[in-house]
Structure formats: structure tokens, C-alpha cells
C-alpha atoms as a PDB file:
ATOM      1  CA  UNK A   1      25.277  -3.975  18.726  1.00  0.00           C
ATOM      2  CA  UNK A   2      28.833  -2.926  17.691  1.00  0.00           C
ATOM      3  CA  UNK A   3      30.317  -6.281  19.503  1.00  0.00           C
ATOM      4  CA  UNK A   4      27.990  -8.567  17.500  1.00  0.00           C
ATOM      5  CA  UNK A   5      29.894  -8.008  14.336  1.00  0.00           C
ATOM      6  CA  UNK A   6      32.913  -9.072  16.001  1.00  0.00           C
ATOM      7  CA  UNK A   7      31.596 -12.678  16.591  1.00  0.00           C
ATOM      8  CA  UNK A   8      33.384 -15.249  14.613  1.00  0.00           C
ATOM      9  CA  UNK A   9      30.402 -16.823  12.792  1.00  0.00           C
ATOM     10  CA  UNK A  10      28.822 -13.661  12.014  1.00  0.00           C
ATOM     11  CA  UNK A  11      32.276 -12.023  10.675  1.00  0.00           C
ATOM     12  CA  UNK A  12      32.829 -15.247   8.844  1.00  0.00           C
ATOM     13  CA  UNK A  13      29.417 -14.946   7.280  1.00  0.00           C
ATOM     14  CA  UNK A  14      29.771 -11.469   6.162  1.00  0.00           C
ATOM     15  CA  UNK A  15      33.245 -11.770   4.604  1.00  0.00           C
ATOM     16  CA  UNK A  16      32.082 -15.085   2.732  1.00  0.00           C
ATOM     17  CA  UNK A  17      29.150 -13.046   1.268  1.00  0.00           C
ATOM     18  CA  UNK A  18      31.504 -10.131   0.494  1.00  0.00           C
ATOM     19  CA  UNK A  19      34.042 -12.544  -1.083  1.00  0.00           C
ATOM     20  CA  UNK A  20      31.408 -14.278  -3.107  1.00  0.00           C
ATOM     21  CA  UNK A  21      29.917 -11.154  -4.530  1.00  0.00           C
ATOM     22  CA  UNK A  22      33.427  -9.857  -5.428  1.00  0.00           C
ATOM     23  CA  UNK A  23      34.000 -13.391  -7.211  1.00  0.00           C
ATOM     24  CA  UNK A  24      30.642 -13.152  -9.182  1.00  0.00           C
ATOM     25  CA  UNK A  25      31.088  -9.304  -9.998  1.00  0.00           C
ATOM     26  CA  UNK A  26      34.854 -10.154 -11.324  1.00  0.00           C
ATOM     27  CA  UNK A  27      33.404 -13.269 -13.379  1.00  0.00           C
ATOM     28  CA  UNK A  28      30.736 -10.853 -14.963  1.00  0.00           C
ATOM     29  CA  UNK A  29      33.056  -8.229 -15.598  1.00  0.00           C
ATOM     30  CA  UNK A  30      35.942 -10.557 -17.153  1.00  0.00           C
ATOM     31  CA  UNK A  31      36.271 -11.316 -20.733  1.00  0.00           C
ATOM     32  CA  UNK A  32      35.863 -14.609 -22.259  1.00  0.00           C
ATOM     33  CA  UNK A  33      39.206 -16.223 -23.307  1.00  0.00           C
ATOM     34  CA  UNK A  34      39.775 -17.863 -26.782  1.00  0.00           C
ATOM     35  CA  UNK A  35      39.949 -21.492 -26.808  1.00  0.00           C
ATOM     36  CA  UNK A  36      43.341 -22.797 -28.194  1.00  0.00           C
ATOM     37  CA  UNK A  37      44.313 -26.469 -28.956  1.00  0.00           C
ATOM     38  CA  UNK A  38      46.968 -26.733 -26.447  1.00  0.00           C
ATOM     39  CA  UNK A  39      45.192 -24.834 -23.671  1.00  0.00           C
ATOM     40  CA  UNK A  40      44.381 -27.961 -21.515  1.00  0.00           C
ATOM     41  CA  UNK A  41      47.323 -29.833 -22.026  1.00  0.00           C
ATOM     42  CA  UNK A  42      49.903 -30.752 -18.848  1.00  0.00           C
ATOM     43  CA  UNK A  43      52.609 -28.130 -18.810  1.00  0.00           C
ATOM     44  CA  UNK A  44      55.794 -27.908 -16.445  1.00  0.00           C
ATOM     45  CA  UNK A  45      58.239 -25.420 -16.334  1.00  0.00           C
ATOM     46  CA  UNK A  46      58.041 -24.547 -19.908  1.00  0.00           C
ATOM     47  CA  UNK A  47      58.189 -27.967 -21.019  1.00  0.00           C
ATOM     48  CA  UNK A  48      55.361 -30.027 -22.597  1.00  0.00           C
ATOM     49  CA  UNK A  49      55.155 -33.495 -20.627  1.00  0.00           C
ATOM     50  CA  UNK A  50      53.531 -36.689 -21.453  1.00  0.00           C
ATOM     51  CA  UNK A  51      53.236 -37.633 -17.805  1.00  0.00           C
ATOM     52  CA  UNK A  52      49.335 -37.621 -17.784  1.00  0.00           C
ATOM     53  CA  UNK A  53      48.947 -39.679 -20.842  1.00  0.00           C
ATOM     54  CA  UNK A  54      50.220 -43.010 -18.913  1.00  0.00           C
ATOM     55  CA  UNK A  55      47.358 -45.481 -18.802  1.00  0.00           C
ATOM     56  CA  UNK A  56      48.549 -47.006 -15.364  1.00  0.00           C
ATOM     57  CA  UNK A  57      47.669 -43.843 -13.667  1.00  0.00           C
ATOM     58  CA  UNK A  58      44.361 -43.228 -15.677  1.00  0.00           C
ATOM     59  CA  UNK A  59      45.797 -40.099 -17.234  1.00  0.00           C
ATOM     60  CA  UNK A  60      46.410 -38.382 -13.787  1.00  0.00           C
ATOM     61  CA  UNK A  61      49.728 -37.513 -12.181  1.00  0.00           C
ATOM     62  CA  UNK A  62      50.472 -39.392  -8.917  1.00  0.00           C
ATOM     63  CA  UNK A  63      53.287 -37.373  -6.884  1.00  0.00           C
ATOM     64  CA  UNK A  64      54.903 -39.072  -3.925  1.00  0.00           C
ATOM     65  CA  UNK A  65      53.937 -37.251  -0.641  1.00  0.00           C
ATOM     66  CA  UNK A  66      56.094 -39.432   1.424  1.00  0.00           C
ATOM     67  CA  UNK A  67      58.677 -36.445   2.668  1.00  0.00           C
ATOM     68  CA  UNK A  68      55.925 -34.020   2.399  1.00  0.00           C
ATOM     69  CA  UNK A  69      53.998 -35.477   5.511  1.00  0.00           C
ATOM     70  CA  UNK A  70      57.385 -35.193   7.359  1.00  0.00           C
ATOM     71  CA  UNK A  71      58.139 -31.789   6.543  1.00  0.00           C
ATOM     72  CA  UNK A  72      54.520 -30.888   7.369  1.00  0.00           C
ATOM     73  CA  UNK A  73      54.556 -32.304  10.805  1.00  0.00           C
ATOM     74  CA  UNK A  74      57.897 -30.956  11.400  1.00  0.00           C
ATOM     75  CA  UNK A  75      56.504 -27.409  10.186  1.00  0.00           C
ATOM     76  CA  UNK A  76      53.514 -27.955  12.678  1.00  0.00           C
ATOM     77  CA  UNK A  77      55.536 -28.931  15.572  1.00  0.00           C
ATOM     78  CA  UNK A  78      57.997 -25.919  15.188  1.00  0.00           C
ATOM     79  CA  UNK A  79      55.168 -23.740  14.732  1.00  0.00           C
ATOM     80  CA  UNK A  80      53.321 -24.712  18.115  1.00  0.00           C
ATOM     81  CA  UNK A  81      56.807 -24.546  19.829  1.00  0.00           C
ATOM     82  CA  UNK A  82      57.208 -21.147  18.813  1.00  0.00           C
ATOM     83  CA  UNK A  83      53.562 -20.183  19.904  1.00  0.00           C
ATOM     84  CA  UNK A  84      54.143 -21.905  23.198  1.00  0.00           C
ATOM     85  CA  UNK A  85      57.632 -20.082  23.668  1.00  0.00           C
ATOM     86  CA  UNK A  86      56.079 -16.702  22.800  1.00  0.00           C
ATOM     87  CA  UNK A  87      53.431 -17.127  25.332  1.00  0.00           C
ATOM     88  CA  UNK A  88      55.237 -18.693  28.304  1.00  0.00           C
ATOM     89  CA  UNK A  89      55.053 -16.609  31.496  1.00  0.00           C
ATOM     90  CA  UNK A  90      57.838 -15.283  33.716  1.00  0.00           C
ATOM     91  CA  UNK A  91      58.888 -17.271  36.747  1.00  0.00           C
ATOM     92  CA  UNK A  92      58.308 -20.583  38.086  1.00  0.00           C
ATOM     93  CA  UNK A  93      54.651 -20.813  35.959  1.00  0.00           C
ATOM     94  CA  UNK A  94      57.235 -21.152  33.019  1.00  0.00           C
ATOM     95  CA  UNK A  95      58.360 -24.656  33.924  1.00  0.00           C
ATOM     96  CA  UNK A  96      55.505 -26.756  32.372  1.00  0.00           C
ATOM     97  CA  UNK A  97      55.624 -24.863  29.382  1.00  0.00           C
ATOM     98  CA  UNK A  98      59.450 -25.316  28.946  1.00  0.00           C
ATOM     99  CA  UNK A  99      59.009 -28.811  29.729  1.00  0.00           C
ATOM    100  CA  UNK A 100      56.726 -29.107  26.686  1.00  0.00           C
ATOM    101  CA  UNK A 101      59.105 -27.004  24.603  1.00  0.00           C
ATOM    102  CA  UNK A 102      61.860 -29.607  25.521  1.00  0.00           C
ATOM    103  CA  UNK A 103      59.509 -32.521  24.568  1.00  0.00           C
ATOM    104  CA  UNK A 104      58.663 -30.687  21.235  1.00  0.00           C
ATOM    105  CA  UNK A 105      62.334 -30.141  20.635  1.00  0.00           C
ATOM    106  CA  UNK A 106      62.858 -33.905  21.025  1.00  0.00           C
ATOM    107  CA  UNK A 107      60.433 -34.884  18.889  1.00  0.00           C
ATOM    108  CA  UNK A 108      61.818 -32.634  16.177  1.00  0.00           C
ATOM    109  CA  UNK A 109      65.114 -34.213  16.650  1.00  0.00           C
ATOM    110  CA  UNK A 110      63.660 -37.498  16.191  1.00  0.00           C
ATOM    111  CA  UNK A 111      61.857 -36.569  13.073  1.00  0.00           C
ATOM    112  CA  UNK A 112      64.912 -35.110  11.741  1.00  0.00           C
ATOM    113  CA  UNK A 113      66.910 -38.466  12.364  1.00  0.00           C
ATOM    114  CA  UNK A 114      64.272 -40.634  10.732  1.00  0.00           C
ATOM    115  CA  UNK A 115      64.064 -38.338   7.669  1.00  0.00           C
ATOM    116  CA  UNK A 116      67.836 -38.061   7.476  1.00  0.00           C
END
């Protein structure tokens, strides 16, 4: 029975219920904030902005994520490469892992050359 609590779906369900209970308990214990005139206005780094008031965007800020996706892919490739390198066995069994690591390094190099 002790090992049943270690199964991922059951552990997720238990933790989800505990966190949900803590959320509702915190909501009940918190005091209600006062409403003020500028409470829901856009605010960036200590400066008020009118970026949200542009009619072309429908009142929403639409940032450019083109460079973000390249950085996210780069981060993913680096993380997988480090995980692969950390779990490579010793001896000749390491050859397929090292080949994959070199392919990952080549893809990172290609990504860097395209971004720059």
C-alpha cells in the first residue's frame, strides 16, 4: 500500500487537492483590497503606458516572439544534450550517445548562425 502513493497519477491528484485547498484557504483568509482609479491600467517599469489603448491591436499589447522561439529551441537542445551527456555510459556503449551529442551541438551551431 505504501508504494501506491508513489504512482504519478495518484501523487498528482493528492498534490492537486492539497494545493487547491491551500488556494481556497488563502482566498478566505485574505483581506479584500480597495478599488482605486488606476488599479487596472497598464504599467511597465514605473512608467504609465498607452500601448494598450491603440485601436489597431484591439487594446492588447502584441509583442514579437520571433527571437523567443529561437532561444527556447536553443535552451531545449542544450538541456537535452546535458541530460544525454550526464547519462552516457562508459566504454563503447557511449558511442551512440556521443554521436547524438555531436548532432545536437551541430544543431545549436546552426541555430546560432541563423539567429546572428
